[in-house]
């Protein structure tokens, strides 16, 4: 099946581990890095990587 390139990229991002939870954290309210990290067990390195992918 051929998808629109933008839809395909969005699906790839959403399918990554911890991405959905990171996005949900932003929907609640703006938060600092330390607040997001404290909210679930993810390494700072992986959280940084996921946030950069969302830029």
PDB file of N, CA and C in Angstrom:
ATOM      1  N   UNK A   1       0.834  -1.165   0.000  1.00  0.00           N
ATOM      2  CA  UNK A   1       0.000   0.000   0.000  1.00  0.00           C
ATOM      3  C   UNK A   1       0.888   1.241   0.000  1.00  0.00           C
ATOM      4  N   UNK A   2       0.604   2.187  -0.848  1.00  0.00           N
ATOM      5  CA  UNK A   2       1.347   3.437  -0.912  1.00  0.00           C
ATOM      6  C   UNK A   2       0.628   4.502  -0.102  1.00  0.00           C
ATOM      7  N   UNK A   3       1.347   5.101   0.824  1.00  0.00           N
ATOM      8  CA  UNK A   3       0.806   6.180   1.640  1.00  0.00           C
ATOM      9  C   UNK A   3       1.444   7.498   1.238  1.00  0.00           C
ATOM     10  N   UNK A   4       0.750   8.559   1.545  1.00  0.00           N
ATOM     11  CA  UNK A   4       1.324   9.889   1.386  1.00  0.00           C
ATOM     12  C   UNK A   4       2.617   9.929   2.208  1.00  0.00           C
ATOM     13  N   UNK A   5       3.697  10.483   1.679  1.00  0.00           N
ATOM     14  CA  UNK A   5       4.966  10.498   2.412  1.00  0.00           C
ATOM     15  C   UNK A   5       4.863  11.135   3.807  1.00  0.00           C
ATOM     16  N   UNK A   6       4.048  12.159   3.950  1.00  0.00           N
ATOM     17  CA  UNK A   6       3.896  12.808   5.256  1.00  0.00           C
ATOM     18  C   UNK A   6       3.165  11.902   6.240  1.00  0.00           C
ATOM     19  N   UNK A   7       2.164  11.191   5.766  1.00  0.00           N
ATOM     20  CA  UNK A   7       1.435  10.258   6.624  1.00  0.00           C
ATOM     21  C   UNK A   7       2.355   9.104   7.009  1.00  0.00           C
ATOM     22  N   UNK A   8       3.126   8.628   6.063  1.00  0.00           N
ATOM     23  CA  UNK A   8       4.048   7.530   6.337  1.00  0.00           C
ATOM     24  C   UNK A   8       5.076   7.930   7.399  1.00  0.00           C
ATOM     25  N   UNK A   9       5.634   9.134   7.290  1.00  0.00           N
ATOM     26  CA  UNK A   9       6.605   9.616   8.282  1.00  0.00           C
ATOM     27  C   UNK A   9       5.960   9.748   9.652  1.00  0.00           C
ATOM     28  N   UNK A  10       4.741  10.274   9.704  1.00  0.00           N
ATOM     29  CA  UNK A  10       4.028  10.409  10.976  1.00  0.00           C
ATOM     30  C   UNK A  10       3.802   9.047  11.618  1.00  0.00           C
ATOM     31  N   UNK A  11       3.417   8.067  10.826  1.00  0.00           N
ATOM     32  CA  UNK A  11       3.174   6.727  11.358  1.00  0.00           C
ATOM     33  C   UNK A  11       4.466   6.095  11.868  1.00  0.00           C
ATOM     34  N   UNK A  12       5.564   6.347  11.178  1.00  0.00           N
ATOM     35  CA  UNK A  12       6.851   5.817  11.623  1.00  0.00           C
ATOM     36  C   UNK A  12       7.252   6.431  12.966  1.00  0.00           C
ATOM     37  N   UNK A  13       7.036   7.739  13.105  1.00  0.00           N
ATOM     38  CA  UNK A  13       7.358   8.405  14.369  1.00  0.00           C
ATOM     39  C   UNK A  13       6.487   7.893  15.501  1.00  0.00           C
ATOM     40  N   UNK A  14       5.200   7.794  15.268  1.00  0.00           N
ATOM     41  CA  UNK A  14       4.272   7.356  16.308  1.00  0.00           C
ATOM     42  C   UNK A  14       4.508   5.911  16.720  1.00  0.00           C
ATOM     43  N   UNK A  15       5.060   5.125  15.837  1.00  0.00           N
ATOM     44  CA  UNK A  15       5.306   3.723  16.127  1.00  0.00           C
ATOM     45  C   UNK A  15       6.552   3.461  16.956  1.00  0.00           C
ATOM     46  N   UNK A  16       7.367   4.487  17.173  1.00  0.00           N
ATOM     47  CA  UNK A  16       8.595   4.300  17.942  1.00  0.00           C
ATOM     48  C   UNK A  16       8.281   4.187  19.429  1.00  0.00           C
ATOM     49  N   UNK A  17       9.094   3.404  20.092  1.00  0.00           N
ATOM     50  CA  UNK A  17       8.937   3.179  21.529  1.00  0.00           C
ATOM     51  C   UNK A  17       8.963   4.504  22.292  1.00  0.00           C
ATOM     52  N   UNK A  18       8.034   4.696  23.183  1.00  0.00           N
ATOM     53  CA  UNK A  18       7.871   5.850  24.062  1.00  0.00           C
ATOM     54  C   UNK A  18       7.357   7.106  23.365  1.00  0.00           C
ATOM     55  N   UNK A  19       7.225   7.118  22.064  1.00  0.00           N
ATOM     56  CA  UNK A  19       6.812   8.332  21.358  1.00  0.00           C
ATOM     57  C   UNK A  19       5.382   8.730  21.721  1.00  0.00           C
ATOM     58  N   UNK A  20       4.480   7.776  21.735  1.00  0.00           N
ATOM     59  CA  UNK A  20       3.089   8.083  22.065  1.00  0.00           C
ATOM     60  C   UNK A  20       2.945   8.675  23.455  1.00  0.00           C
ATOM     61  N   UNK A  21       3.671   8.123  24.408  1.00  0.00           N
ATOM     62  CA  UNK A  21       3.599   8.637  25.766  1.00  0.00           C
ATOM     63  C   UNK A  21       4.189  10.040  25.848  1.00  0.00           C
ATOM     64  N   UNK A  22       5.287  10.286  25.147  1.00  0.00           N
ATOM     65  CA  UNK A  22       5.898  11.618  25.146  1.00  0.00           C
ATOM     66  C   UNK A  22       4.923  12.642  24.577  1.00  0.00           C
ATOM     67  N   UNK A  23       4.252  12.303  23.508  1.00  0.00           N
ATOM     68  CA  UNK A  23       3.278  13.220  22.907  1.00  0.00           C
ATOM     69  C   UNK A  23       2.121  13.469  23.867  1.00  0.00           C
ATOM     70  N   UNK A  24       1.655  12.420  24.530  1.00  0.00           N
ATOM     71  CA  UNK A  24       0.556  12.580  25.482  1.00  0.00           C
ATOM     72  C   UNK A  24       0.936  13.548  26.602  1.00  0.00           C
ATOM     73  N   UNK A  25       2.191  13.505  27.046  1.00  0.00           N
ATOM     74  CA  UNK A  25       2.643  14.413  28.095  1.00  0.00           C
ATOM     75  C   UNK A  25       2.492  15.870  27.656  1.00  0.00           C
ATOM     76  N   UNK A  26       2.727  16.160  26.389  1.00  0.00           N
ATOM     77  CA  UNK A  26       2.610  17.528  25.888  1.00  0.00           C
ATOM     78  C   UNK A  26       1.162  17.964  25.747  1.00  0.00           C
ATOM     79  N   UNK A  27       0.271  17.032  25.541  1.00  0.00           N
ATOM     80  CA  UNK A  27      -1.139  17.371  25.389  1.00  0.00           C
ATOM     81  C   UNK A  27      -1.740  17.842  26.708  1.00  0.00           C
ATOM     82  N   UNK A  28      -1.233  17.323  27.817  1.00  0.00           N
ATOM     83  CA  UNK A  28      -1.745  17.711  29.126  1.00  0.00           C
ATOM     84  C   UNK A  28      -1.428  19.170  29.441  1.00  0.00           C
ATOM     85  N   UNK A  29      -0.164  19.537  29.293  1.00  0.00           N
ATOM     86  CA  UNK A  29       0.298  20.902  29.560  1.00  0.00           C
ATOM     87  C   UNK A  29       1.765  21.005  29.176  1.00  0.00           C
ATOM     88  N   UNK A  30       2.269  22.203  28.991  1.00  0.00           N
ATOM     89  CA  UNK A  30       3.701  22.356  28.725  1.00  0.00           C
ATOM     90  C   UNK A  30       4.504  21.866  29.941  1.00  0.00           C
ATOM     91  N   UNK A  31       5.612  21.189  29.673  1.00  0.00           N
ATOM     92  CA  UNK A  31       6.426  20.649  30.755  1.00  0.00           C
ATOM     93  C   UNK A  31       7.903  20.804  30.454  1.00  0.00           C
ATOM     94  N   UNK A  32       8.671  20.855  31.502  1.00  0.00           N
ATOM     95  CA  UNK A  32      10.130  20.868  31.385  1.00  0.00           C
ATOM     96  C   UNK A  32      10.624  19.434  31.177  1.00  0.00           C
ATOM     97  N   UNK A  33      11.844  19.338  30.655  1.00  0.00           N
ATOM     98  CA  UNK A  33      12.450  18.038  30.389  1.00  0.00           C
ATOM     99  C   UNK A  33      12.421  17.155  31.635  1.00  0.00           C
ATOM    100  N   UNK A  34      12.823  17.711  32.768  1.00  0.00           N
ATOM    101  CA  UNK A  34      12.895  16.914  34.003  1.00  0.00           C
ATOM    102  C   UNK A  34      11.515  16.415  34.439  1.00  0.00           C
ATOM    103  N   UNK A  35      10.474  17.192  34.176  1.00  0.00           N
ATOM    104  CA  UNK A  35       9.113  16.763  34.521  1.00  0.00           C
ATOM    105  C   UNK A  35       8.677  15.589  33.649  1.00  0.00           C
ATOM    106  N   UNK A  36       9.003  15.668  32.385  1.00  0.00           N
ATOM    107  CA  UNK A  36       8.641  14.581  31.474  1.00  0.00           C
ATOM    108  C   UNK A  36       9.397  13.316  31.867  1.00  0.00           C
ATOM    109  N   UNK A  37      10.702  13.463  32.108  1.00  0.00           N
ATOM    110  CA  UNK A  37      11.529  12.310  32.456  1.00  0.00           C
ATOM    111  C   UNK A  37      11.054  11.670  33.754  1.00  0.00           C
ATOM    112  N   UNK A  38      10.644  12.466  34.707  1.00  0.00           N
ATOM    113  CA  UNK A  38      10.166  11.931  35.991  1.00  0.00           C
ATOM    114  C   UNK A  38       8.842  11.179  35.828  1.00  0.00           C
ATOM    115  N   UNK A  39       8.108  11.472  34.770  1.00  0.00           N
ATOM    116  CA  UNK A  39       6.801  10.872  34.551  1.00  0.00           C
ATOM    117  C   UNK A  39       6.841   9.412  34.127  1.00  0.00           C
ATOM    118  N   UNK A  40       7.956   8.939  33.616  1.00  0.00           N
ATOM    119  CA  UNK A  40       8.053   7.536  33.211  1.00  0.00           C
ATOM    120  C   UNK A  40       9.495   7.100  33.132  1.00  0.00           C
ATOM    121  N   UNK A  41       9.708   5.806  33.130  1.00  0.00           N
ATOM    122  CA  UNK A  41      11.073   5.263  33.195  1.00  0.00           C
ATOM    123  C   UNK A  41      11.704   5.188  31.807  1.00  0.00           C
ATOM    124  N   UNK A  42      12.337   6.278  31.422  1.00  0.00           N
ATOM    125  CA  UNK A  42      13.029   6.353  30.139  1.00  0.00           C
ATOM    126  C   UNK A  42      14.362   7.046  30.402  1.00  0.00           C
ATOM    127  N   UNK A  43      15.383   6.635  29.694  1.00  0.00           N
ATOM    128  CA  UNK A  43      16.680   7.282  29.889  1.00  0.00           C
ATOM    129  C   UNK A  43      16.643   8.688  29.309  1.00  0.00           C
ATOM    130  N   UNK A  44      17.456   9.556  29.865  1.00  0.00           N
ATOM    131  CA  UNK A  44      17.540  10.919  29.364  1.00  0.00           C
ATOM    132  C   UNK A  44      17.968  10.958  27.905  1.00  0.00           C
ATOM    133  N   UNK A  45      18.850  10.043  27.537  1.00  0.00           N
ATOM    134  CA  UNK A  45      19.346   9.977  26.158  1.00  0.00           C
ATOM    135  C   UNK A  45      18.205   9.640  25.189  1.00  0.00           C
ATOM    136  N   UNK A  46      17.405   8.641  25.545  1.00  0.00           N
ATOM    137  CA  UNK A  46      16.310   8.241  24.663  1.00  0.00           C
ATOM    138  C   UNK A  46      15.229   9.322  24.607  1.00  0.00           C
ATOM    139  N   UNK A  47      14.934   9.940  25.738  1.00  0.00           N
ATOM    140  CA  UNK A  47      13.943  11.022  25.745  1.00  0.00           C
ATOM    141  C   UNK A  47      14.415  12.176  24.873  1.00  0.00           C
ATOM    142  N   UNK A  48      15.685  12.524  24.988  1.00  0.00           N
ATOM    143  CA  UNK A  48      16.247  13.594  24.144  1.00  0.00           C
ATOM    144  C   UNK A  48      16.115  13.247  22.672  1.00  0.00           C
ATOM    145  N   UNK A  49      16.398  12.004  22.328  1.00  0.00           N
ATOM    146  CA  UNK A  49      16.299  11.556  20.940  1.00  0.00           C
ATOM    147  C   UNK A  49      14.856  11.688  20.424  1.00  0.00           C
ATOM    148  N   UNK A  50      13.899  11.251  21.245  1.00  0.00           N
ATOM    149  CA  UNK A  50      12.487  11.317  20.826  1.00  0.00           C
ATOM    150  C   UNK A  50      12.033  12.758  20.662  1.00  0.00           C
ATOM    151  N   UNK A  51      12.441  13.633  21.571  1.00  0.00           N
ATOM    152  CA  UNK A  51      12.043  15.039  21.484  1.00  0.00           C
ATOM    153  C   UNK A  51      12.642  15.713  20.251  1.00  0.00           C
ATOM    154  N   UNK A  52      13.872  15.378  19.917  1.00  0.00           N
ATOM    155  CA  UNK A  52      14.503  15.944  18.728  1.00  0.00           C
ATOM    156  C   UNK A  52      13.781  15.492  17.465  1.00  0.00           C
ATOM    157  N   UNK A  53      13.300  14.255  17.470  1.00  0.00           N
ATOM    158  CA  UNK A  53      12.567  13.746  16.311  1.00  0.00           C
ATOM    159  C   UNK A  53      11.255  14.494  16.111  1.00  0.00           C
ATOM    160  N   UNK A  54      10.717  15.049  17.163  1.00  0.00           N
ATOM    161  CA  UNK A  54       9.442  15.777  17.071  1.00  0.00           C
ATOM    162  C   UNK A  54       9.631  17.233  16.628  1.00  0.00           C
ATOM    163  N   UNK A  55      10.853  17.718  16.597  1.00  0.00           N
ATOM    164  CA  UNK A  55      11.095  19.114  16.189  1.00  0.00           C
ATOM    165  C   UNK A  55      10.673  19.354  14.765  1.00  0.00           C
TER     166      UNK A  55
END
